[in-house]
Amino acid sequence: MGFFAAFDPVLMGQLATFNVDITAMQGYAFGFVFFWLFNLITAVLVGLVLISPRTKLAKKTRSLQE
């Protein structure tokens, strides 16, 4: 919502290097799908980092704290 409150999709289509003739609803739909996929990819990458095994350095630091 914040992005599209600041940027009009029709104006962004007109300012592109190649002319894109889209309606406002098409721009909002494309933006919704784009931001949804971006957040999905981010969540998957965070999940992969969380389940990855700890390195030797992380294990050593953790044992020193205990």
PDB file of N, CA and C in Angstrom:
ATOM      1  N   MET A   1       0.826  -1.189   0.000  1.00  0.00           N
ATOM      2  CA  MET A   1       0.000   0.000   0.000  1.00  0.00           C
ATOM      3  C   MET A   1       0.866   1.247   0.000  1.00  0.00           C
ATOM      4  N   GLY A   2       1.920   1.207   0.798  1.00  0.00           N
ATOM      5  CA  GLY A   2       2.794   2.373   0.868  1.00  0.00           C
ATOM      6  C   GLY A   2       3.455   2.687  -0.460  1.00  0.00           C
ATOM      7  N   PHE A   3       3.878   1.636  -1.161  1.00  0.00           N
ATOM      8  CA  PHE A   3       4.540   1.837  -2.453  1.00  0.00           C
ATOM      9  C   PHE A   3       3.581   2.485  -3.445  1.00  0.00           C
ATOM     10  N   PHE A   4       2.376   1.940  -3.545  1.00  0.00           N
ATOM     11  CA  PHE A   4       1.429   2.470  -4.527  1.00  0.00           C
ATOM     12  C   PHE A   4       0.784   3.773  -4.064  1.00  0.00           C
ATOM     13  N   ALA A   5       0.916   4.123  -2.803  1.00  0.00           N
ATOM     14  CA  ALA A   5       0.469   5.441  -2.367  1.00  0.00           C
ATOM     15  C   ALA A   5       1.433   6.511  -2.865  1.00  0.00           C
ATOM     16  N   ALA A   6       2.702   6.134  -3.041  1.00  0.00           N
ATOM     17  CA  ALA A   6       3.703   7.089  -3.497  1.00  0.00           C
ATOM     18  C   ALA A   6       3.903   7.065  -5.012  1.00  0.00           C
ATOM     19  N   PHE A   7       3.660   5.915  -5.652  1.00  0.00           N
ATOM     20  CA  PHE A   7       3.931   5.769  -7.077  1.00  0.00           C
ATOM     21  C   PHE A   7       2.678   5.300  -7.810  1.00  0.00           C
ATOM     22  N   ASP A   8       2.325   6.013  -8.866  1.00  0.00           N
ATOM     23  CA  ASP A   8       1.178   5.652  -9.694  1.00  0.00           C
ATOM     24  C   ASP A   8       1.629   4.652 -10.755  1.00  0.00           C
ATOM     25  N   PRO A   9       1.010   3.467 -10.841  1.00  0.00           N
ATOM     26  CA  PRO A   9       1.462   2.472 -11.814  1.00  0.00           C
ATOM     27  C   PRO A   9       1.314   2.927 -13.265  1.00  0.00           C
ATOM     28  N   VAL A  10       0.298   3.727 -13.571  1.00  0.00           N
ATOM     29  CA  VAL A  10       0.130   4.204 -14.945  1.00  0.00           C
ATOM     30  C   VAL A  10       1.264   5.151 -15.310  1.00  0.00           C
ATOM     31  N   LEU A  11       1.611   6.055 -14.418  1.00  0.00           N
ATOM     32  CA  LEU A  11       2.713   6.990 -14.667  1.00  0.00           C
ATOM     33  C   LEU A  11       4.039   6.249 -14.759  1.00  0.00           C
ATOM     34  N   MET A  12       4.233   5.239 -13.922  1.00  0.00           N
ATOM     35  CA  MET A  12       5.465   4.454 -13.996  1.00  0.00           C
ATOM     36  C   MET A  12       5.565   3.728 -15.326  1.00  0.00           C
ATOM     37  N   GLY A  13       4.441   3.253 -15.864  1.00  0.00           N
ATOM     38  CA  GLY A  13       4.437   2.607 -17.170  1.00  0.00           C
ATOM     39  C   GLY A  13       4.790   3.574 -18.283  1.00  0.00           C
ATOM     40  N   GLN A  14       4.369   4.825 -18.157  1.00  0.00           N
ATOM     41  CA  GLN A  14       4.682   5.834 -19.170  1.00  0.00           C
ATOM     42  C   GLN A  14       6.137   6.281 -19.090  1.00  0.00           C
ATOM     43  N   LEU A  15       6.719   6.250 -17.892  1.00  0.00           N
ATOM     44  CA  LEU A  15       8.101   6.697 -17.718  1.00  0.00           C
ATOM     45  C   LEU A  15       9.129   5.603 -17.979  1.00  0.00           C
ATOM     46  N   ALA A  16       8.685   4.374 -18.208  1.00  0.00           N
ATOM     47  CA  ALA A  16       9.607   3.265 -18.450  1.00  0.00           C
ATOM     48  C   ALA A  16      10.375   3.511 -19.749  1.00  0.00           C
ATOM     49  N   THR A  17      11.532   2.842 -19.877  1.00  0.00           N
ATOM     50  CA  THR A  17      12.348   3.020 -21.084  1.00  0.00           C
ATOM     51  C   THR A  17      11.622   2.516 -22.329  1.00  0.00           C
ATOM     52  N   PHE A  18      10.781   1.512 -22.169  1.00  0.00           N
ATOM     53  CA  PHE A  18       9.931   1.065 -23.260  1.00  0.00           C
ATOM     54  C   PHE A  18       8.497   1.349 -22.847  1.00  0.00           C
ATOM     55  N   ASN A  19       7.699   1.834 -23.759  1.00  0.00           N
ATOM     56  CA  ASN A  19       6.342   2.273 -23.433  1.00  0.00           C
ATOM     57  C   ASN A  19       5.471   1.070 -23.059  1.00  0.00           C
ATOM     58  N   VAL A  20       4.930   1.107 -21.853  1.00  0.00           N
ATOM     59  CA  VAL A  20       4.045   0.053 -21.361  1.00  0.00           C
ATOM     60  C   VAL A  20       2.668   0.671 -21.175  1.00  0.00           C
ATOM     61  N   ASP A  21       1.703   0.163 -21.915  1.00  0.00           N
ATOM     62  CA  ASP A  21       0.346   0.696 -21.833  1.00  0.00           C
ATOM     63  C   ASP A  21      -0.479  -0.208 -20.916  1.00  0.00           C
ATOM     64  N   ILE A  22      -0.559   0.164 -19.620  1.00  0.00           N
ATOM     65  CA  ILE A  22      -1.306  -0.630 -18.652  1.00  0.00           C
ATOM     66  C   ILE A  22      -2.321   0.257 -17.948  1.00  0.00           C
ATOM     67  N   THR A  23      -3.374  -0.369 -17.477  1.00  0.00           N
ATOM     68  CA  THR A  23      -4.350   0.362 -16.674  1.00  0.00           C
ATOM     69  C   THR A  23      -3.886   0.338 -15.218  1.00  0.00           C
ATOM     70  N   ALA A  24      -4.550   1.114 -14.406  1.00  0.00           N
ATOM     71  CA  ALA A  24      -4.193   1.161 -12.984  1.00  0.00           C
ATOM     72  C   ALA A  24      -4.399  -0.198 -12.328  1.00  0.00           C
ATOM     73  N   MET A  25      -5.496  -0.871 -12.646  1.00  0.00           N
ATOM     74  CA  MET A  25      -5.776  -2.183 -12.040  1.00  0.00           C
ATOM     75  C   MET A  25      -4.740  -3.221 -12.447  1.00  0.00           C
ATOM     76  N   GLN A  26      -4.284  -3.184 -13.703  1.00  0.00           N
ATOM     77  CA  GLN A  26      -3.237  -4.103 -14.138  1.00  0.00           C
ATOM     78  C   GLN A  26      -1.935  -3.825 -13.392  1.00  0.00           C
ATOM     79  N   GLY A  27      -1.630  -2.562 -13.175  1.00  0.00           N
ATOM     80  CA  GLY A  27      -0.428  -2.192 -12.430  1.00  0.00           C
ATOM     81  C   GLY A  27      -0.494  -2.647 -10.986  1.00  0.00           C
ATOM     82  N   TYR A  28      -1.657  -2.474 -10.368  1.00  0.00           N
ATOM     83  CA  TYR A  28      -1.825  -2.921  -8.987  1.00  0.00           C
ATOM     84  C   TYR A  28      -1.739  -4.440  -8.892  1.00  0.00           C
ATOM     85  N   ALA A  29      -2.324  -5.148  -9.858  1.00  0.00           N
ATOM     86  CA  ALA A  29      -2.280  -6.610  -9.848  1.00  0.00           C
ATOM     87  C   ALA A  29      -0.836  -7.104 -10.021  1.00  0.00           C
ATOM     88  N   PHE A  30      -0.107  -6.511 -10.961  1.00  0.00           N
ATOM     89  CA  PHE A  30       1.285  -6.889 -11.167  1.00  0.00           C
ATOM     90  C   PHE A  30       2.110  -6.598  -9.910  1.00  0.00           C
ATOM     91  N   GLY A  31       1.891  -5.441  -9.310  1.00  0.00           N
ATOM     92  CA  GLY A  31       2.616  -5.090  -8.085  1.00  0.00           C
ATOM     93  C   GLY A  31       2.303  -6.042  -6.949  1.00  0.00           C
ATOM     94  N   PHE A  32       1.035  -6.427  -6.809  1.00  0.00           N
ATOM     95  CA  PHE A  32       0.644  -7.370  -5.766  1.00  0.00           C
ATOM     96  C   PHE A  32       1.367  -8.693  -5.938  1.00  0.00           C
ATOM     97  N   VAL A  33       1.365  -9.216  -7.167  1.00  0.00           N
ATOM     98  CA  VAL A  33       2.036 -10.494  -7.433  1.00  0.00           C
ATOM     99  C   VAL A  33       3.536 -10.369  -7.218  1.00  0.00           C
ATOM    100  N   PHE A  34       4.121  -9.269  -7.689  1.00  0.00           N
ATOM    101  CA  PHE A  34       5.560  -9.064  -7.520  1.00  0.00           C
ATOM    102  C   PHE A  34       5.941  -9.008  -6.045  1.00  0.00           C
ATOM    103  N   PHE A  35       5.246  -8.211  -5.241  1.00  0.00           N
ATOM    104  CA  PHE A  35       5.581  -8.097  -3.819  1.00  0.00           C
ATOM    105  C   PHE A  35       5.291  -9.400  -3.077  1.00  0.00           C
ATOM    106  N   TRP A  36       4.251 -10.115  -3.470  1.00  0.00           N
ATOM    107  CA  TRP A  36       3.941 -11.402  -2.850  1.00  0.00           C
ATOM    108  C   TRP A  36       5.061 -12.401  -3.119  1.00  0.00           C
ATOM    109  N   LEU A  37       5.528 -12.487  -4.365  1.00  0.00           N
ATOM    110  CA  LEU A  37       6.627 -13.403  -4.705  1.00  0.00           C
ATOM    111  C   LEU A  37       7.927 -12.998  -4.012  1.00  0.00           C
ATOM    112  N   PHE A  38       8.184 -11.703  -3.939  1.00  0.00           N
ATOM    113  CA  PHE A  38       9.383 -11.220  -3.263  1.00  0.00           C
ATOM    114  C   PHE A  38       9.373 -11.624  -1.793  1.00  0.00           C
ATOM    115  N   ASN A  39       8.237 -11.466  -1.136  1.00  0.00           N
ATOM    116  CA  ASN A  39       8.135 -11.858   0.271  1.00  0.00           C
ATOM    117  C   ASN A  39       8.207 -13.368   0.444  1.00  0.00           C
ATOM    118  N   LEU A  40       7.668 -14.133  -0.501  1.00  0.00           N
ATOM    119  CA  LEU A  40       7.762 -15.590  -0.445  1.00  0.00           C
ATOM    120  C   LEU A  40       9.221 -16.037  -0.550  1.00  0.00           C
ATOM    121  N   ILE A  41       9.954 -15.473  -1.495  1.00  0.00           N
ATOM    122  CA  ILE A  41      11.370 -15.817  -1.659  1.00  0.00           C
ATOM    123  C   ILE A  41      12.157 -15.439  -0.415  1.00  0.00           C
ATOM    124  N   THR A  42      11.871 -14.286   0.154  1.00  0.00           N
ATOM    125  CA  THR A  42      12.547 -13.863   1.375  1.00  0.00           C
ATOM    126  C   THR A  42      12.273 -14.827   2.520  1.00  0.00           C
ATOM    127  N   ALA A  43      11.034 -15.253   2.669  1.00  0.00           N
ATOM    128  CA  ALA A  43      10.676 -16.183   3.745  1.00  0.00           C
ATOM    129  C   ALA A  43      11.367 -17.531   3.558  1.00  0.00           C
ATOM    130  N   VAL A  44      11.434 -18.005   2.318  1.00  0.00           N
ATOM    131  CA  VAL A  44      12.110 -19.283   2.056  1.00  0.00           C
ATOM    132  C   VAL A  44      13.603 -19.180   2.385  1.00  0.00           C
ATOM    133  N   LEU A  45      14.235 -18.085   2.001  1.00  0.00           N
ATOM    134  CA  LEU A  45      15.660 -17.912   2.302  1.00  0.00           C
ATOM    135  C   LEU A  45      15.912 -17.813   3.810  1.00  0.00           C
ATOM    136  N   VAL A  46      15.047 -17.123   4.525  1.00  0.00           N
ATOM    137  CA  VAL A  46      15.183 -17.044   5.983  1.00  0.00           C
ATOM    138  C   VAL A  46      15.016 -18.425   6.596  1.00  0.00           C
ATOM    139  N   GLY A  47      14.046 -19.192   6.100  1.00  0.00           N
ATOM    140  CA  GLY A  47      13.855 -20.556   6.595  1.00  0.00           C
ATOM    141  C   GLY A  47      15.065 -21.428   6.340  1.00  0.00           C
ATOM    142  N   LEU A  48      15.680 -21.299   5.166  1.00  0.00           N
ATOM    143  CA  LEU A  48      16.883 -22.077   4.866  1.00  0.00           C
ATOM    144  C   LEU A  48      18.041 -21.715   5.789  1.00  0.00           C
ATOM    145  N   VAL A  49      18.171 -20.442   6.090  1.00  0.00           N
ATOM    146  CA  VAL A  49      19.238 -20.015   7.005  1.00  0.00           C
ATOM    147  C   VAL A  49      18.976 -20.552   8.402  1.00  0.00           C
ATOM    148  N   LEU A  50      17.724 -20.551   8.826  1.00  0.00           N
ATOM    149  CA  LEU A  50      17.407 -21.019  10.174  1.00  0.00           C
ATOM    150  C   LEU A  50      17.617 -22.517  10.351  1.00  0.00           C
ATOM    151  N   ILE A  51      17.401 -23.308   9.294  1.00  0.00           N
ATOM    152  CA  ILE A  51      17.559 -24.754   9.447  1.00  0.00           C
ATOM    153  C   ILE A  51      18.955 -25.232   9.068  1.00  0.00           C
ATOM    154  N   SER A  52      19.796 -24.327   8.546  1.00  0.00           N
ATOM    155  CA  SER A  52      21.146 -24.741   8.171  1.00  0.00           C
ATOM    156  C   SER A  52      21.956 -25.055   9.436  1.00  0.00           C
ATOM    157  N   PRO A  53      22.875 -26.017   9.332  1.00  0.00           N
ATOM    158  CA  PRO A  53      23.658 -26.375  10.522  1.00  0.00           C
ATOM    159  C   PRO A  53      24.584 -25.229  10.947  1.00  0.00           C
ATOM    160  N   ARG A  54      24.823 -25.182  12.243  1.00  0.00           N
ATOM    161  CA  ARG A  54      25.689 -24.118  12.757  1.00  0.00           C
ATOM    162  C   ARG A  54      27.142 -24.392  12.379  1.00  0.00           C
ATOM    163  N   THR A  55      27.908 -23.331  12.238  1.00  0.00           N
ATOM    164  CA  THR A  55      29.324 -23.475  11.920  1.00  0.00           C
ATOM    165  C   THR A  55      30.108 -23.778  13.192  1.00  0.00           C
ATOM    166  N   LYS A  56      31.349 -24.163  13.033  1.00  0.00           N
ATOM    167  CA  LYS A  56      32.189 -24.457  14.196  1.00  0.00           C
ATOM    168  C   LYS A  56      32.372 -23.222  15.064  1.00  0.00           C
ATOM    169  N   LEU A  57      32.520 -22.057  14.439  1.00  0.00           N
ATOM    170  CA  LEU A  57      32.695 -20.822  15.194  1.00  0.00           C
ATOM    171  C   LEU A  57      31.461 -20.521  16.044  1.00  0.00           C
ATOM    172  N   ALA A  58      30.261 -20.717  15.486  1.00  0.00           N
ATOM    173  CA  ALA A  58      29.035 -20.455  16.241  1.00  0.00           C
ATOM    174  C   ALA A  58      28.918 -21.422  17.410  1.00  0.00           C
ATOM    175  N   LYS A  59      29.296 -22.685  17.217  1.00  0.00           N
ATOM    176  CA  LYS A  59      29.229 -23.657  18.294  1.00  0.00           C
ATOM    177  C   LYS A  59      30.232 -23.314  19.395  1.00  0.00           C
ATOM    178  N   LYS A  60      31.413 -22.849  18.993  1.00  0.00           N
ATOM    179  CA  LYS A  60      32.453 -22.498  19.967  1.00  0.00           C
ATOM    180  C   LYS A  60      32.014 -21.285  20.784  1.00  0.00           C
ATOM    181  N   THR A  61      31.446 -20.281  20.136  1.00  0.00           N
ATOM    182  CA  THR A  61      30.991 -19.085  20.842  1.00  0.00           C
ATOM    183  C   THR A  61      29.860 -19.432  21.802  1.00  0.00           C
ATOM    184  N   ARG A  62      28.980 -20.308  21.391  1.00  0.00           N
ATOM    185  CA  ARG A  62      27.856 -20.689  22.241  1.00  0.00           C
ATOM    186  C   ARG A  62      28.342 -21.453  23.476  1.00  0.00           C
ATOM    187  N   SER A  63      29.315 -22.321  23.317  1.00  0.00           N
ATOM    188  CA  SER A  63      29.799 -23.079  24.458  1.00  0.00           C
ATOM    189  C   SER A  63      30.539 -22.193  25.457  1.00  0.00           C
ATOM    190  N   LEU A  64      31.163 -21.111  24.991  1.00  0.00           N
ATOM    191  CA  LEU A  64      31.840 -20.185  25.882  1.00  0.00           C
ATOM    192  C   LEU A  64      30.850 -19.387  26.716  1.00  0.00           C
ATOM    193  N   GLN A  65      29.687 -19.114  26.148  1.00  0.00           N
ATOM    194  CA  GLN A  65      28.672 -18.346  26.875  1.00  0.00           C
ATOM    195  C   GLN A  65      28.025 -19.147  27.982  1.00  0.00           C
ATOM    196  N   GLU A  66      27.994 -20.462  27.847  1.00  0.00           N
ATOM    197  CA  GLU A  66      27.339 -21.306  28.857  1.00  0.00           C
ATOM    198  C   GLU A  66      28.270 -21.543  29.963  1.00  0.00           C
TER     199      GLU A  66
END
